[in-house]
Amino acid sequence: MGNIEIEEQKMSGLRFEEETFAIRGAVFEVYRVMGCGFLEAVYQECLEKELAARGILFVAQQELRLYYKGETLRQFYKPDLICFG
């Protein structure tokens, strides 16, 4: 079995394949328009605008509570974006 067949087999089992494709399309569009060299905050703002323009639901910079062995931590996790959440 060649590398292409192995990759196709792996890809066929993706969860949320359509959603992932939509998000990646938005990311590639931001890169196509903006290129490289900006700070992360610039790309974050551009991606938020692109996701909204494509109708992709997202939440930006939402603090998520963390737990350790059932105990609430003082620290939060703050992902850049949560899409389709």
N, C-alpha and C. Protein backbone atom coordinates (compact mmCIF):
# COMPACT_ATOMS: atom_id res chain seq x y z
N MET A 1 0.86 -1.18 0.00
CA MET A 1 0.00 0.00 0.00
C MET A 1 0.90 1.24 0.00
N GLY A 2 0.66 2.13 -0.95
CA GLY A 2 1.48 3.34 -1.05
C GLY A 2 1.05 4.42 -0.08
N ASN A 3 1.85 5.47 0.00
CA ASN A 3 1.57 6.58 0.93
C ASN A 3 0.23 7.25 0.64
N ILE A 4 -0.13 7.36 -0.64
CA ILE A 4 -1.39 8.03 -0.99
C ILE A 4 -2.57 7.24 -0.47
N GLU A 5 -2.54 5.92 -0.64
CA GLU A 5 -3.64 5.09 -0.15
C GLU A 5 -3.75 5.17 1.37
N ILE A 6 -2.62 5.19 2.05
CA ILE A 6 -2.62 5.29 3.51
C ILE A 6 -3.23 6.61 3.94
N GLU A 7 -2.84 7.70 3.29
CA GLU A 7 -3.37 9.02 3.63
C GLU A 7 -4.87 9.09 3.35
N GLU A 8 -5.32 8.54 2.22
CA GLU A 8 -6.75 8.54 1.91
C GLU A 8 -7.53 7.75 2.95
N GLN A 9 -6.96 6.66 3.41
CA GLN A 9 -7.62 5.85 4.42
C GLN A 9 -7.74 6.63 5.73
N LYS A 10 -6.69 7.34 6.09
CA LYS A 10 -6.72 8.15 7.31
C LYS A 10 -7.76 9.27 7.18
N MET A 11 -7.78 9.94 6.03
CA MET A 11 -8.66 11.07 5.82
C MET A 11 -10.14 10.67 5.82
N SER A 12 -10.43 9.48 5.36
CA SER A 12 -11.84 9.07 5.27
C SER A 12 -12.47 8.92 6.64
N GLY A 13 -11.66 8.81 7.69
CA GLY A 13 -12.19 8.64 9.03
C GLY A 13 -12.25 9.93 9.83
N LEU A 14 -12.08 11.08 9.20
CA LEU A 14 -12.08 12.34 9.94
C LEU A 14 -13.46 12.63 10.53
N ARG A 15 -13.45 13.10 11.75
CA ARG A 15 -14.68 13.59 12.35
C ARG A 15 -14.81 15.07 12.01
N PHE A 16 -16.01 15.53 11.83
CA PHE A 16 -16.27 16.94 11.52
C PHE A 16 -15.52 17.39 10.27
N GLU A 17 -15.50 16.53 9.26
CA GLU A 17 -14.73 16.82 8.05
C GLU A 17 -15.21 18.09 7.35
N GLU A 18 -16.52 18.29 7.22
CA GLU A 18 -17.03 19.48 6.55
C GLU A 18 -16.70 20.74 7.33
N GLU A 19 -16.82 20.69 8.64
CA GLU A 19 -16.51 21.84 9.48
C GLU A 19 -15.03 22.19 9.40
N THR A 20 -14.19 21.16 9.44
CA THR A 20 -12.75 21.36 9.34
C THR A 20 -12.39 21.99 8.00
N PHE A 21 -13.01 21.51 6.94
CA PHE A 21 -12.77 22.05 5.61
C PHE A 21 -13.15 23.53 5.55
N ALA A 22 -14.27 23.90 6.15
CA ALA A 22 -14.73 25.29 6.15
C ALA A 22 -13.76 26.19 6.93
N ILE A 23 -13.32 25.72 8.08
CA ILE A 23 -12.38 26.51 8.89
C ILE A 23 -11.06 26.68 8.16
N ARG A 24 -10.55 25.61 7.59
CA ARG A 24 -9.28 25.69 6.87
C ARG A 24 -9.40 26.63 5.68
N GLY A 25 -10.54 26.63 5.00
CA GLY A 25 -10.74 27.56 3.90
C GLY A 25 -10.64 29.00 4.35
N ALA A 26 -11.22 29.30 5.52
CA ALA A 26 -11.15 30.66 6.07
C ALA A 26 -9.70 31.02 6.43
N VAL A 27 -8.99 30.09 7.02
CA VAL A 27 -7.59 30.32 7.39
C VAL A 27 -6.75 30.60 6.14
N PHE A 28 -6.92 29.78 5.12
CA PHE A 28 -6.15 29.97 3.89
C PHE A 28 -6.48 31.30 3.22
N GLU A 29 -7.73 31.73 3.30
CA GLU A 29 -8.11 33.02 2.71
C GLU A 29 -7.42 34.17 3.45
N VAL A 30 -7.38 34.10 4.76
CA VAL A 30 -6.70 35.14 5.54
C VAL A 30 -5.22 35.18 5.15
N TYR A 31 -4.60 34.02 5.04
CA TYR A 31 -3.19 33.98 4.66
C TYR A 31 -2.99 34.51 3.24
N ARG A 32 -3.90 34.17 2.33
CA ARG A 32 -3.79 34.62 0.95
C ARG A 32 -3.84 36.14 0.87
N VAL A 33 -4.73 36.74 1.64
CA VAL A 33 -4.91 38.19 1.60
C VAL A 33 -3.82 38.92 2.38
N MET A 34 -3.50 38.44 3.58
CA MET A 34 -2.59 39.16 4.46
C MET A 34 -1.13 38.78 4.30
N GLY A 35 -0.87 37.55 3.87
CA GLY A 35 0.51 37.09 3.79
C GLY A 35 1.07 36.85 5.18
N CYS A 36 2.38 36.86 5.28
CA CYS A 36 3.01 36.59 6.58
C CYS A 36 3.67 37.85 7.12
N GLY A 37 4.03 37.81 8.41
CA GLY A 37 4.79 38.90 9.00
C GLY A 37 4.08 39.72 10.05
N PHE A 38 2.79 39.46 10.27
CA PHE A 38 2.05 40.22 11.28
C PHE A 38 2.02 39.47 12.61
N LEU A 39 1.71 40.20 13.65
CA LEU A 39 1.54 39.57 14.96
C LEU A 39 0.24 38.76 14.99
N GLU A 40 0.17 37.83 15.91
CA GLU A 40 -0.98 36.93 16.01
C GLU A 40 -2.30 37.68 16.13
N ALA A 41 -2.30 38.81 16.84
CA ALA A 41 -3.54 39.56 17.05
C ALA A 41 -4.15 40.02 15.73
N VAL A 42 -3.32 40.35 14.75
CA VAL A 42 -3.81 40.78 13.44
C VAL A 42 -4.52 39.62 12.75
N TYR A 43 -3.88 38.45 12.76
CA TYR A 43 -4.48 37.27 12.12
C TYR A 43 -5.75 36.84 12.85
N GLN A 44 -5.75 36.99 14.18
CA GLN A 44 -6.94 36.65 14.97
C GLN A 44 -8.13 37.51 14.51
N GLU A 45 -7.91 38.80 14.41
CA GLU A 45 -8.99 39.70 13.99
C GLU A 45 -9.46 39.41 12.57
N CYS A 46 -8.50 39.17 11.67
CA CYS A 46 -8.86 38.86 10.29
C CYS A 46 -9.65 37.55 10.23
N LEU A 47 -9.22 36.55 10.97
CA LEU A 47 -9.90 35.26 10.94
C LEU A 47 -11.31 35.38 11.52
N GLU A 48 -11.47 36.17 12.56
CA GLU A 48 -12.81 36.40 13.10
C GLU A 48 -13.72 37.01 12.04
N LYS A 49 -13.20 37.98 11.29
CA LYS A 49 -13.99 38.61 10.23
C LYS A 49 -14.31 37.61 9.12
N GLU A 50 -13.35 36.79 8.76
CA GLU A 50 -13.55 35.81 7.68
C GLU A 50 -14.55 34.72 8.10
N LEU A 51 -14.44 34.24 9.33
CA LEU A 51 -15.39 33.23 9.82
C LEU A 51 -16.81 33.80 9.82
N ALA A 52 -16.95 35.03 10.29
CA ALA A 52 -18.28 35.65 10.31
C ALA A 52 -18.82 35.82 8.89
N ALA A 53 -17.98 36.24 7.97
CA ALA A 53 -18.41 36.43 6.58
C ALA A 53 -18.87 35.12 5.95
N ARG A 54 -18.30 34.00 6.40
CA ARG A 54 -18.66 32.69 5.86
C ARG A 54 -19.79 32.03 6.65
N GLY A 55 -20.28 32.71 7.67
CA GLY A 55 -21.37 32.15 8.45
C GLY A 55 -20.95 31.02 9.38
N ILE A 56 -19.67 30.98 9.72
CA ILE A 56 -19.16 29.95 10.63
C ILE A 56 -19.29 30.47 12.05
N LEU A 57 -20.08 29.78 12.86
CA LEU A 57 -20.29 30.21 14.24
C LEU A 57 -19.02 30.00 15.06
N PHE A 58 -18.68 31.01 15.86
CA PHE A 58 -17.48 30.91 16.70
C PHE A 58 -17.61 31.81 17.92
N VAL A 59 -16.79 31.52 18.90
CA VAL A 59 -16.64 32.37 20.08
C VAL A 59 -15.14 32.62 20.22
N ALA A 60 -14.77 33.87 20.44
CA ALA A 60 -13.35 34.22 20.56
C ALA A 60 -12.95 34.46 22.02
N GLN A 61 -11.80 33.94 22.37
CA GLN A 61 -11.16 34.22 23.67
C GLN A 61 -12.06 33.92 24.87
N GLN A 62 -12.86 32.89 24.80
CA GLN A 62 -13.75 32.54 25.92
C GLN A 62 -12.96 31.80 26.99
N GLU A 63 -13.09 32.25 28.22
CA GLU A 63 -12.42 31.57 29.33
C GLU A 63 -13.16 30.29 29.67
N LEU A 64 -12.41 29.20 29.76
CA LEU A 64 -12.98 27.92 30.11
C LEU A 64 -12.43 27.47 31.46
N ARG A 65 -13.30 27.07 32.33
CA ARG A 65 -12.90 26.63 33.67
C ARG A 65 -12.16 25.31 33.57
N LEU A 66 -11.14 25.15 34.40
CA LEU A 66 -10.34 23.93 34.44
C LEU A 66 -10.52 23.23 35.78
N TYR A 67 -10.36 21.92 35.74
CA TYR A 67 -10.49 21.09 36.94
C TYR A 67 -9.31 20.14 37.02
N TYR A 68 -8.92 19.85 38.22
CA TYR A 68 -7.88 18.85 38.46
C TYR A 68 -8.38 17.91 39.55
N LYS A 69 -8.57 16.65 39.19
CA LYS A 69 -9.05 15.63 40.12
C LYS A 69 -10.31 16.10 40.84
N GLY A 70 -11.21 16.71 40.06
CA GLY A 70 -12.49 17.14 40.60
C GLY A 70 -12.48 18.49 41.30
N GLU A 71 -11.32 19.09 41.44
CA GLU A 71 -11.23 20.40 42.10
C GLU A 71 -11.08 21.50 41.05
N THR A 72 -11.78 22.60 41.27
CA THR A 72 -11.70 23.74 40.36
C THR A 72 -10.36 24.44 40.53
N LEU A 73 -9.73 24.73 39.41
CA LEU A 73 -8.47 25.47 39.44
C LEU A 73 -8.73 26.97 39.37
N ARG A 74 -7.79 27.74 39.87
CA ARG A 74 -7.89 29.20 39.76
C ARG A 74 -7.62 29.65 38.32
N GLN A 75 -6.83 28.87 37.60
CA GLN A 75 -6.46 29.21 36.23
C GLN A 75 -7.58 28.84 35.27
N PHE A 76 -7.64 29.55 34.15
CA PHE A 76 -8.59 29.27 33.09
C PHE A 76 -7.83 28.94 31.82
N TYR A 77 -8.48 28.23 30.91
CA TYR A 77 -7.94 28.01 29.58
C TYR A 77 -8.69 28.96 28.65
N LYS A 78 -7.95 29.67 27.80
CA LYS A 78 -8.55 30.69 26.94
C LYS A 78 -8.13 30.44 25.49
N PRO A 79 -8.84 29.55 24.79
CA PRO A 79 -8.47 29.29 23.39
C PRO A 79 -8.75 30.50 22.51
N ASP A 80 -7.99 30.61 21.43
CA ASP A 80 -8.19 31.73 20.49
C ASP A 80 -9.62 31.73 19.97
N LEU A 81 -10.08 30.58 19.50
CA LEU A 81 -11.41 30.47 18.90
C LEU A 81 -12.02 29.11 19.22
N ILE A 82 -13.31 29.09 19.42
CA ILE A 82 -14.07 27.84 19.47
C ILE A 82 -15.10 27.94 18.36
N CYS A 83 -14.98 27.06 17.37
CA CYS A 83 -15.88 27.09 16.21
C CYS A 83 -16.90 25.98 16.29
N PHE A 84 -18.08 26.25 15.81
CA PHE A 84 -19.17 25.27 15.77
C PHE A 84 -19.47 24.73 17.16
N GLY A 85 -19.21 25.52 18.19
CA GLY A 85 -19.39 25.07 19.55
C GLY A 85 -20.78 25.24 20.01
